[in-house]
Amino acid sequence: MAEISDTIVKTTEFAGDYKVQILTATLGSNSDTIVLTAAANKISEIVYAKAHLTGGVDAELCWLQTSWSSLTITIASFEADGTVATNFTGATIEVLVIGK
């Protein structure tokens, strides 16, 4: 499981109860998960999530695919040729989450 190392919570003005969070985490596998909790993250539903690499980018780790279900975010990582990533040295990410 990817470990969250920092969370930035932004107060938003759009559509009432929606919140924007930016999570910083480290990757450890080619299909890593981040599990949010209503108590810690102050959201009960993820509406949108998008991850991008902030460190460890090379030919063996160069792009991500983000999906979510309930409060679990899954980040799949890939090499330049489209195969699953195998090297996570220095791999750090930021995940933009919109929830309510």
PDB file of N, CA and C in Angstrom:
ATOM      1  N   MET A   1       0.839  -1.162   0.000  1.00  0.00           N
ATOM      2  CA  MET A   1       0.000   0.000   0.000  1.00  0.00           C
ATOM      3  C   MET A   1       0.894   1.239   0.000  1.00  0.00           C
ATOM      4  N   ALA A   2       0.546   2.194  -0.825  1.00  0.00           N
ATOM      5  CA  ALA A   2       1.282   3.454  -0.860  1.00  0.00           C
ATOM      6  C   ALA A   2       1.043   4.194   0.449  1.00  0.00           C
ATOM      7  N   GLU A   3       2.086   4.768   0.989  1.00  0.00           N
ATOM      8  CA  GLU A   3       1.961   5.470   2.257  1.00  0.00           C
ATOM      9  C   GLU A   3       1.858   6.963   2.028  1.00  0.00           C
ATOM     10  N   ILE A   4       0.819   7.569   2.577  1.00  0.00           N
ATOM     11  CA  ILE A   4       0.626   9.012   2.456  1.00  0.00           C
ATOM     12  C   ILE A   4       1.605   9.699   3.399  1.00  0.00           C
ATOM     13  N   SER A   5       2.383  10.630   2.856  1.00  0.00           N
ATOM     14  CA  SER A   5       3.347  11.328   3.697  1.00  0.00           C
ATOM     15  C   SER A   5       2.921  12.753   4.014  1.00  0.00           C
ATOM     16  N   ASP A   6       1.956  13.287   3.270  1.00  0.00           N
ATOM     17  CA  ASP A   6       1.512  14.652   3.516  1.00  0.00           C
ATOM     18  C   ASP A   6       0.153  14.836   2.869  1.00  0.00           C
ATOM     19  N   THR A   7      -0.668  15.655   3.447  1.00  0.00           N
ATOM     20  CA  THR A   7      -1.978  15.979   2.885  1.00  0.00           C
ATOM     21  C   THR A   7      -2.182  17.473   2.967  1.00  0.00           C
ATOM     22  N   ILE A   8      -2.583  18.060   1.853  1.00  0.00           N
ATOM     23  CA  ILE A   8      -2.934  19.473   1.819  1.00  0.00           C
ATOM     24  C   ILE A   8      -4.433  19.524   1.571  1.00  0.00           C
ATOM     25  N   VAL A   9      -5.166  20.158   2.456  1.00  0.00           N
ATOM     26  CA  VAL A   9      -6.608  20.275   2.294  1.00  0.00           C
ATOM     27  C   VAL A   9      -6.930  21.704   1.903  1.00  0.00           C
ATOM     28  N   LYS A  10      -7.609  21.846   0.797  1.00  0.00           N
ATOM     29  CA  LYS A  10      -8.015  23.166   0.321  1.00  0.00           C
ATOM     30  C   LYS A  10      -9.511  23.333   0.564  1.00  0.00           C
ATOM     31  N   THR A  11      -9.899  24.448   1.114  1.00  0.00           N
ATOM     32  CA  THR A  11     -11.310  24.760   1.254  1.00  0.00           C
ATOM     33  C   THR A  11     -11.791  25.290  -0.080  1.00  0.00           C
ATOM     34  N   THR A  12     -12.931  24.791  -0.513  1.00  0.00           N
ATOM     35  CA  THR A  12     -13.421  25.181  -1.825  1.00  0.00           C
ATOM     36  C   THR A  12     -14.757  25.884  -1.718  1.00  0.00           C
ATOM     37  N   GLU A  13     -15.091  26.618  -2.735  1.00  0.00           N
ATOM     38  CA  GLU A  13     -16.337  27.356  -2.791  1.00  0.00           C
ATOM     39  C   GLU A  13     -17.342  26.697  -3.725  1.00  0.00           C
ATOM     40  N   PHE A  14     -16.907  25.677  -4.484  1.00  0.00           N
ATOM     41  CA  PHE A  14     -17.815  25.128  -5.487  1.00  0.00           C
ATOM     42  C   PHE A  14     -18.710  24.029  -4.915  1.00  0.00           C
ATOM     43  N   ALA A  15     -19.963  24.064  -5.288  1.00  0.00           N
ATOM     44  CA  ALA A  15     -20.969  23.043  -5.022  1.00  0.00           C
ATOM     45  C   ALA A  15     -21.028  22.570  -3.575  1.00  0.00           C
ATOM     46  N   GLY A  16     -20.929  23.469  -2.647  1.00  0.00           N
ATOM     47  CA  GLY A  16     -21.187  23.158  -1.254  1.00  0.00           C
ATOM     48  C   GLY A  16     -20.194  22.293  -0.525  1.00  0.00           C
ATOM     49  N   ASP A  17     -20.456  21.000  -0.442  1.00  0.00           N
ATOM     50  CA  ASP A  17     -19.699  20.108   0.422  1.00  0.00           C
ATOM     51  C   ASP A  17     -18.441  19.516  -0.203  1.00  0.00           C
ATOM     52  N   TYR A  18     -18.079  19.878  -1.399  1.00  0.00           N
ATOM     53  CA  TYR A  18     -16.920  19.297  -2.053  1.00  0.00           C
ATOM     54  C   TYR A  18     -15.617  19.821  -1.460  1.00  0.00           C
ATOM     55  N   LYS A  19     -14.626  18.948  -1.375  1.00  0.00           N
ATOM     56  CA  LYS A  19     -13.310  19.319  -0.858  1.00  0.00           C
ATOM     57  C   LYS A  19     -12.246  18.866  -1.852  1.00  0.00           C
ATOM     58  N   VAL A  20     -11.159  19.613  -1.899  1.00  0.00           N
ATOM     59  CA  VAL A  20     -10.007  19.246  -2.718  1.00  0.00           C
ATOM     60  C   VAL A  20      -8.873  18.880  -1.775  1.00  0.00           C
ATOM     61  N   GLN A  21      -8.263  17.723  -1.995  1.00  0.00           N
ATOM     62  CA  GLN A  21      -7.106  17.311  -1.206  1.00  0.00           C
ATOM     63  C   GLN A  21      -5.978  16.937  -2.160  1.00  0.00           C
ATOM     64  N   ILE A  22      -4.773  17.277  -1.773  1.00  0.00           N
ATOM     65  CA  ILE A  22      -3.586  16.878  -2.519  1.00  0.00           C
ATOM     66  C   ILE A  22      -2.764  16.003  -1.589  1.00  0.00           C
ATOM     67  N   LEU A  23      -2.655  14.722  -1.954  1.00  0.00           N
ATOM     68  CA  LEU A  23      -1.928  13.757  -1.141  1.00  0.00           C
ATOM     69  C   LEU A  23      -0.546  13.528  -1.734  1.00  0.00           C
ATOM     70  N   THR A  24       0.456  13.415  -0.891  1.00  0.00           N
ATOM     71  CA  THR A  24       1.806  13.060  -1.313  1.00  0.00           C
ATOM     72  C   THR A  24       2.088  11.667  -0.785  1.00  0.00           C
ATOM     73  N   ALA A  25       2.595  10.778  -1.651  1.00  0.00           N
ATOM     74  CA  ALA A  25       2.823   9.396  -1.241  1.00  0.00           C
ATOM     75  C   ALA A  25       4.027   8.812  -1.981  1.00  0.00           C
ATOM     76  N   THR A  26       4.492   7.682  -1.489  1.00  0.00           N
ATOM     77  CA  THR A  26       5.553   6.930  -2.167  1.00  0.00           C
ATOM     78  C   THR A  26       4.942   5.660  -2.762  1.00  0.00           C
ATOM     79  N   LEU A  27       5.431   5.274  -3.938  1.00  0.00           N
ATOM     80  CA  LEU A  27       4.963   4.054  -4.588  1.00  0.00           C
ATOM     81  C   LEU A  27       5.881   2.900  -4.238  1.00  0.00           C
ATOM     82  N   GLY A  28       5.308   1.704  -4.122  1.00  0.00           N
ATOM     83  CA  GLY A  28       6.121   0.534  -3.821  1.00  0.00           C
ATOM     84  C   GLY A  28       5.827  -0.654  -4.705  1.00  0.00           C
ATOM     85  N   SER A  29       4.789  -0.558  -5.547  1.00  0.00           N
ATOM     86  CA  SER A  29       4.471  -1.665  -6.446  1.00  0.00           C
ATOM     87  C   SER A  29       3.775  -1.126  -7.688  1.00  0.00           C
ATOM     88  N   ASN A  30       3.603  -2.009  -8.685  1.00  0.00           N
ATOM     89  CA  ASN A  30       3.014  -1.548  -9.945  1.00  0.00           C
ATOM     90  C   ASN A  30       1.497  -1.373  -9.878  1.00  0.00           C
ATOM     91  N   SER A  31       0.873  -1.804  -8.810  1.00  0.00           N
ATOM     92  CA  SER A  31      -0.554  -1.549  -8.584  1.00  0.00           C
ATOM     93  C   SER A  31      -0.725  -1.249  -7.101  1.00  0.00           C
ATOM     94  N   ASP A  32      -0.505  -0.011  -6.750  1.00  0.00           N
ATOM     95  CA  ASP A  32      -0.492   0.400  -5.352  1.00  0.00           C
ATOM     96  C   ASP A  32      -1.820   1.050  -4.987  1.00  0.00           C
ATOM     97  N   THR A  33      -2.173   0.986  -3.703  1.00  0.00           N
ATOM     98  CA  THR A  33      -3.427   1.582  -3.265  1.00  0.00           C
ATOM     99  C   THR A  33      -3.203   2.587  -2.146  1.00  0.00           C
ATOM    100  N   ILE A  34      -4.092   3.548  -2.101  1.00  0.00           N
ATOM    101  CA  ILE A  34      -4.171   4.503  -1.002  1.00  0.00           C
ATOM    102  C   ILE A  34      -5.595   4.410  -0.476  1.00  0.00           C
ATOM    103  N   VAL A  35      -5.733   4.138   0.801  1.00  0.00           N
ATOM    104  CA  VAL A  35      -7.058   4.027   1.407  1.00  0.00           C
ATOM    105  C   VAL A  35      -7.283   5.257   2.295  1.00  0.00           C
ATOM    106  N   LEU A  36      -8.306   6.023   1.950  1.00  0.00           N
ATOM    107  CA  LEU A  36      -8.672   7.196   2.742  1.00  0.00           C
ATOM    108  C   LEU A  36      -9.709   6.782   3.776  1.00  0.00           C
ATOM    109  N   THR A  37      -9.829   7.555   4.839  1.00  0.00           N
ATOM    110  CA  THR A  37     -10.872   7.309   5.832  1.00  0.00           C
ATOM    111  C   THR A  37     -11.669   8.582   6.027  1.00  0.00           C
ATOM    112  N   ALA A  38     -12.937   8.413   6.303  1.00  0.00           N
ATOM    113  CA  ALA A  38     -13.800   9.576   6.515  1.00  0.00           C
ATOM    114  C   ALA A  38     -13.310  10.410   7.687  1.00  0.00           C
ATOM    115  N   ALA A  39     -12.832   9.761   8.738  1.00  0.00           N
ATOM    116  CA  ALA A  39     -12.381  10.490   9.927  1.00  0.00           C
ATOM    117  C   ALA A  39     -11.119  11.297   9.639  1.00  0.00           C
ATOM    118  N   ALA A  40     -10.136  10.688   8.999  1.00  0.00           N
ATOM    119  CA  ALA A  40      -8.854  11.365   8.770  1.00  0.00           C
ATOM    120  C   ALA A  40      -8.908  12.338   7.600  1.00  0.00           C
ATOM    121  N   ASN A  41      -9.626  11.996   6.546  1.00  0.00           N
ATOM    122  CA  ASN A  41      -9.617  12.811   5.336  1.00  0.00           C
ATOM    123  C   ASN A  41     -10.849  13.690   5.174  1.00  0.00           C
ATOM    124  N   LYS A  42     -11.827  13.538   6.052  1.00  0.00           N
ATOM    125  CA  LYS A  42     -13.027  14.385   6.065  1.00  0.00           C
ATOM    126  C   LYS A  42     -13.830  14.307   4.769  1.00  0.00           C
ATOM    127  N   ILE A  43     -13.765  13.166   4.078  1.00  0.00           N
ATOM    128  CA  ILE A  43     -14.617  12.930   2.914  1.00  0.00           C
ATOM    129  C   ILE A  43     -15.222  11.528   3.034  1.00  0.00           C
ATOM    130  N   SER A  44     -16.399  11.365   2.468  1.00  0.00           N
ATOM    131  CA  SER A  44     -17.047  10.055   2.507  1.00  0.00           C
ATOM    132  C   SER A  44     -17.200   9.449   1.119  1.00  0.00           C
ATOM    133  N   GLU A  45     -16.884  10.245   0.094  1.00  0.00           N
ATOM    134  CA  GLU A  45     -17.003   9.766  -1.284  1.00  0.00           C
ATOM    135  C   GLU A  45     -15.963  10.462  -2.147  1.00  0.00           C
ATOM    136  N   ILE A  46     -15.260   9.695  -2.970  1.00  0.00           N
ATOM    137  CA  ILE A  46     -14.325  10.272  -3.939  1.00  0.00           C
ATOM    138  C   ILE A  46     -15.097  10.509  -5.233  1.00  0.00           C
ATOM    139  N   VAL A  47     -15.009  11.728  -5.741  1.00  0.00           N
ATOM    140  CA  VAL A  47     -15.654  12.090  -6.991  1.00  0.00           C
ATOM    141  C   VAL A  47     -14.649  12.050  -8.135  1.00  0.00           C
ATOM    142  N   TYR A  48     -13.387  12.371  -7.836  1.00  0.00           N
ATOM    143  CA  TYR A  48     -12.333  12.406  -8.853  1.00  0.00           C
ATOM    144  C   TYR A  48     -10.991  12.204  -8.169  1.00  0.00           C
ATOM    145  N   ALA A  49     -10.094  11.490  -8.829  1.00  0.00           N
ATOM    146  CA  ALA A  49      -8.721  11.330  -8.336  1.00  0.00           C
ATOM    147  C   ALA A  49      -7.789  11.225  -9.528  1.00  0.00           C
ATOM    148  N   LYS A  50      -6.647  11.890  -9.462  1.00  0.00           N
ATOM    149  CA  LYS A  50      -5.646  11.859 -10.531  1.00  0.00           C
ATOM    150  C   LYS A  50      -4.265  11.941  -9.901  1.00  0.00           C
ATOM    151  N   ALA A  51      -3.417  10.961 -10.210  1.00  0.00           N
ATOM    152  CA  ALA A  51      -2.053  10.930  -9.672  1.00  0.00           C
ATOM    153  C   ALA A  51      -1.053  11.329 -10.747  1.00  0.00           C
ATOM    154  N   HIS A  52       0.041  11.952 -10.304  1.00  0.00           N
ATOM    155  CA  HIS A  52       1.163  12.211 -11.213  1.00  0.00           C
ATOM    156  C   HIS A  52       2.470  11.998 -10.453  1.00  0.00           C
ATOM    157  N   LEU A  53       3.500  11.628 -11.191  1.00  0.00           N
ATOM    158  CA  LEU A  53       4.814  11.362 -10.602  1.00  0.00           C
ATOM    159  C   LEU A  53       5.517  12.659 -10.243  1.00  0.00           C
ATOM    160  N   THR A  54       6.151  12.678  -9.078  1.00  0.00           N
ATOM    161  CA  THR A  54       6.959  13.827  -8.669  1.00  0.00           C
ATOM    162  C   THR A  54       8.420  13.442  -8.453  1.00  0.00           C
ATOM    163  N   GLY A  55       8.719  12.143  -8.511  1.00  0.00           N
ATOM    164  CA  GLY A  55      10.096  11.683  -8.340  1.00  0.00           C
ATOM    165  C   GLY A  55      10.245  10.257  -8.830  1.00  0.00           C
ATOM    166  N   GLY A  56      11.454   9.888  -9.227  1.00  0.00           N
ATOM    167  CA  GLY A  56      11.743   8.529  -9.660  1.00  0.00           C
ATOM    168  C   GLY A  56      11.375   8.233 -11.098  1.00  0.00           C
ATOM    169  N   VAL A  57      11.159   9.266 -11.889  1.00  0.00           N
ATOM    170  CA  VAL A  57      10.766   9.065 -13.285  1.00  0.00           C
ATOM    171  C   VAL A  57      11.981   8.627 -14.108  1.00  0.00           C
ATOM    172  N   ASP A  58      11.813   7.516 -14.836  1.00  0.00           N
ATOM    173  CA  ASP A  58      12.815   7.053 -15.781  1.00  0.00           C
ATOM    174  C   ASP A  58      12.132   6.112 -16.757  1.00  0.00           C
ATOM    175  N   ALA A  59      12.878   5.425 -17.595  1.00  0.00           N
ATOM    176  CA  ALA A  59      12.277   4.532 -18.589  1.00  0.00           C
ATOM    177  C   ALA A  59      11.524   3.374 -17.939  1.00  0.00           C
ATOM    178  N   GLU A  60      11.877   3.051 -16.695  1.00  0.00           N
ATOM    179  CA  GLU A  60      11.217   1.941 -16.001  1.00  0.00           C
ATOM    180  C   GLU A  60      10.015   2.382 -15.160  1.00  0.00           C
ATOM    181  N   LEU A  61       9.754   3.668 -15.125  1.00  0.00           N
ATOM    182  CA  LEU A  61       8.584   4.221 -14.420  1.00  0.00           C
ATOM    183  C   LEU A  61       8.314   5.598 -15.001  1.00  0.00           C
ATOM    184  N   CYS A  62       7.328   5.671 -15.891  1.00  0.00           N
ATOM    185  CA  CYS A  62       7.138   6.978 -16.530  1.00  0.00           C
ATOM    186  C   CYS A  62       5.695   7.451 -16.651  1.00  0.00           C
ATOM    187  N   TRP A  63       4.704   6.582 -16.406  1.00  0.00           N
ATOM    188  CA  TRP A  63       3.332   7.099 -16.420  1.00  0.00           C
ATOM    189  C   TRP A  63       2.440   6.281 -15.507  1.00  0.00           C
ATOM    190  N   LEU A  64       1.333   6.922 -15.081  1.00  0.00           N
ATOM    191  CA  LEU A  64       0.430   6.338 -14.092  1.00  0.00           C
ATOM    192  C   LEU A  64      -1.002   6.304 -14.619  1.00  0.00           C
ATOM    193  N   GLN A  65      -1.760   5.375 -14.086  1.00  0.00           N
ATOM    194  CA  GLN A  65      -3.194   5.300 -14.349  1.00  0.00           C
ATOM    195  C   GLN A  65      -3.885   5.267 -12.988  1.00  0.00           C
ATOM    196  N   THR A  66      -4.878   6.118 -12.793  1.00  0.00           N
ATOM    197  CA  THR A  66      -5.544   6.244 -11.494  1.00  0.00           C
ATOM    198  C   THR A  66      -6.992   5.799 -11.593  1.00  0.00           C
ATOM    199  N   SER A  67      -7.422   4.993 -10.626  1.00  0.00           N
ATOM    200  CA  SER A  67      -8.832   4.616 -10.531  1.00  0.00           C
ATOM    201  C   SER A  67      -9.226   4.652  -9.057  1.00  0.00           C
ATOM    202  N   TRP A  68     -10.524   4.641  -8.782  1.00  0.00           N
ATOM    203  CA  TRP A  68     -10.978   4.677  -7.394  1.00  0.00           C
ATOM    204  C   TRP A  68     -12.308   3.943  -7.260  1.00  0.00           C
ATOM    205  N   SER A  69     -12.531   3.464  -6.057  1.00  0.00           N
ATOM    206  CA  SER A  69     -13.779   2.827  -5.681  1.00  0.00           C
ATOM    207  C   SER A  69     -13.978   3.089  -4.198  1.00  0.00           C
ATOM    208  N   SER A  70     -15.129   3.626  -3.846  1.00  0.00           N
ATOM    209  CA  SER A  70     -15.394   3.997  -2.468  1.00  0.00           C
ATOM    210  C   SER A  70     -14.310   4.973  -2.011  1.00  0.00           C
ATOM    211  N   LEU A  71     -13.538   4.664  -0.971  1.00  0.00           N
ATOM    212  CA  LEU A  71     -12.457   5.540  -0.503  1.00  0.00           C
ATOM    213  C   LEU A  71     -11.077   4.951  -0.793  1.00  0.00           C
ATOM    214  N   THR A  72     -10.997   4.014  -1.738  1.00  0.00           N
ATOM    215  CA  THR A  72      -9.729   3.401  -2.109  1.00  0.00           C
ATOM    216  C   THR A  72      -9.299   3.881  -3.489  1.00  0.00           C
ATOM    217  N   ILE A  73      -8.086   4.415  -3.562  1.00  0.00           N
ATOM    218  CA  ILE A  73      -7.507   4.882  -4.823  1.00  0.00           C
ATOM    219  C   ILE A  73      -6.454   3.861  -5.244  1.00  0.00           C
ATOM    220  N   THR A  74      -6.511   3.419  -6.493  1.00  0.00           N
ATOM    221  CA  THR A  74      -5.527   2.482  -7.025  1.00  0.00           C
ATOM    222  C   THR A  74      -4.699   3.191  -8.082  1.00  0.00           C
ATOM    223  N   ILE A  75      -3.380   3.086  -7.955  1.00  0.00           N
ATOM    224  CA  ILE A  75      -2.466   3.711  -8.901  1.00  0.00           C
ATOM    225  C   ILE A  75      -1.676   2.608  -9.592  1.00  0.00           C
ATOM    226  N   ALA A  76      -1.908   2.459 -10.890  1.00  0.00           N
ATOM    227  CA  ALA A  76      -1.151   1.502 -11.698  1.00  0.00           C
ATOM    228  C   ALA A  76      -0.014   2.269 -12.364  1.00  0.00           C
ATOM    229  N   SER A  77       1.180   1.694 -12.365  1.00  0.00           N
ATOM    230  CA  SER A  77       2.334   2.391 -12.927  1.00  0.00           C
ATOM    231  C   SER A  77       2.938   1.581 -14.071  1.00  0.00           C
ATOM    232  N   PHE A  78       3.483   2.310 -15.054  1.00  0.00           N
ATOM    233  CA  PHE A  78       3.933   1.695 -16.290  1.00  0.00           C
ATOM    234  C   PHE A  78       5.293   2.213 -16.735  1.00  0.00           C
ATOM    235  N   GLU A  79       6.001   1.358 -17.487  1.00  0.00           N
ATOM    236  CA  GLU A  79       7.266   1.723 -18.111  1.00  0.00           C
ATOM    237  C   GLU A  79       6.981   2.465 -19.411  1.00  0.00           C
ATOM    238  N   ALA A  80       8.033   2.989 -20.024  1.00  0.00           N
ATOM    239  CA  ALA A  80       7.889   3.754 -21.251  1.00  0.00           C
ATOM    240  C   ALA A  80       7.259   2.939 -22.380  1.00  0.00           C
ATOM    241  N   ASP A  81       7.525   1.634 -22.411  1.00  0.00           N
ATOM    242  CA  ASP A  81       6.987   0.793 -23.482  1.00  0.00           C
ATOM    243  C   ASP A  81       5.581   0.273 -23.202  1.00  0.00           C
ATOM    244  N   GLY A  82       4.966   0.685 -22.094  1.00  0.00           N
ATOM    245  CA  GLY A  82       3.604   0.301 -21.774  1.00  0.00           C
ATOM    246  C   GLY A  82       3.476  -0.929 -20.893  1.00  0.00           C
ATOM    247  N   THR A  83       4.598  -1.596 -20.581  1.00  0.00           N
ATOM    248  CA  THR A  83       4.540  -2.736 -19.667  1.00  0.00           C
ATOM    249  C   THR A  83       4.493  -2.222 -18.232  1.00  0.00           C
ATOM    250  N   VAL A  84       4.086  -3.097 -17.304  1.00  0.00           N
ATOM    251  CA  VAL A  84       3.991  -2.660 -15.910  1.00  0.00           C
ATOM    252  C   VAL A  84       5.369  -2.288 -15.369  1.00  0.00           C
ATOM    253  N   ALA A  85       5.392  -1.281 -14.526  1.00  0.00           N
ATOM    254  CA  ALA A  85       6.644  -0.789 -13.954  1.00  0.00           C
ATOM    255  C   ALA A  85       7.267  -1.828 -13.025  1.00  0.00           C
ATOM    256  N   THR A  86       8.599  -1.819 -12.976  1.00  0.00           N
ATOM    257  CA  THR A  86       9.326  -2.777 -12.142  1.00  0.00           C
ATOM    258  C   THR A  86      10.307  -2.118 -11.188  1.00  0.00           C
ATOM    259  N   ASN A  87      10.603  -0.856 -11.382  1.00  0.00           N
ATOM    260  CA  ASN A  87      11.596  -0.171 -10.555  1.00  0.00           C
ATOM    261  C   ASN A  87      10.946   1.050  -9.907  1.00  0.00           C
ATOM    262  N   PHE A  88      10.927   1.071  -8.572  1.00  0.00           N
ATOM    263  CA  PHE A  88      10.258   2.155  -7.853  1.00  0.00           C
ATOM    264  C   PHE A  88      11.230   2.968  -7.013  1.00  0.00           C
ATOM    265  N   THR A  89      12.504   2.942  -7.371  1.00  0.00           N
ATOM    266  CA  THR A  89      13.518   3.699  -6.645  1.00  0.00           C
ATOM    267  C   THR A  89      13.197   5.185  -6.711  1.00  0.00           C
ATOM    268  N   GLY A  90      12.979   5.786  -5.561  1.00  0.00           N
ATOM    269  CA  GLY A  90      12.695   7.220  -5.486  1.00  0.00           C
ATOM    270  C   GLY A  90      11.325   7.621  -6.003  1.00  0.00           C
ATOM    271  N   ALA A  91      10.423   6.662  -6.194  1.00  0.00           N
ATOM    272  CA  ALA A  91       9.118   6.959  -6.784  1.00  0.00           C
ATOM    273  C   ALA A  91       8.205   7.654  -5.786  1.00  0.00           C
ATOM    274  N   THR A  92       7.904   8.906  -6.069  1.00  0.00           N
ATOM    275  CA  THR A  92       6.960   9.670  -5.256  1.00  0.00           C
ATOM    276  C   THR A  92       5.879  10.227  -6.164  1.00  0.00           C
ATOM    277  N   ILE A  93       4.692  10.412  -5.585  1.00  0.00           N
ATOM    278  CA  ILE A  93       3.559  10.910  -6.365  1.00  0.00           C
ATOM    279  C   ILE A  93       2.783  11.955  -5.582  1.00  0.00           C
ATOM    280  N   GLU A  94       2.011  12.721  -6.314  1.00  0.00           N
ATOM    281  CA  GLU A  94       0.969  13.560  -5.738  1.00  0.00           C
ATOM    282  C   GLU A  94      -0.343  13.090  -6.322  1.00  0.00           C
ATOM    283  N   VAL A  95      -1.370  13.057  -5.488  1.00  0.00           N
ATOM    284  CA  VAL A  95      -2.701  12.637  -5.947  1.00  0.00           C
ATOM    285  C   VAL A  95      -3.679  13.763  -5.631  1.00  0.00           C
ATOM    286  N   LEU A  96      -4.308  14.272  -6.677  1.00  0.00           N
ATOM    287  CA  LEU A  96      -5.367  15.267  -6.518  1.00  0.00           C
ATOM    288  C   LEU A  96      -6.668  14.507  -6.294  1.00  0.00           C
ATOM    289  N   VAL A  97      -7.353  14.798  -5.189  1.00  0.00           N
ATOM    290  CA  VAL A  97      -8.608  14.126  -4.866  1.00  0.00           C
ATOM    291  C   VAL A  97      -9.686  15.176  -4.669  1.00  0.00           C
ATOM    292  N   ILE A  98     -10.811  14.983  -5.342  1.00  0.00           N
ATOM    293  CA  ILE A  98     -11.993  15.797  -5.096  1.00  0.00           C
ATOM    294  C   ILE A  98     -13.014  14.853  -4.460  1.00  0.00           C
ATOM    295  N   GLY A  99     -13.499  15.230  -3.307  1.00  0.00           N
ATOM    296  CA  GLY A  99     -14.436  14.376  -2.599  1.00  0.00           C
ATOM    297  C   GLY A  99     -15.509  15.188  -1.908  1.00  0.00           C
ATOM    298  N   LYS A 100     -16.455  14.479  -1.337  1.00  0.00           N
ATOM    299  CA  LYS A 100     -17.487  15.162  -0.564  1.00  0.00           C
ATOM    300  C   LYS A 100     -17.839  14.339   0.645  1.00  0.00           C
TER     301      LYS A 100
END
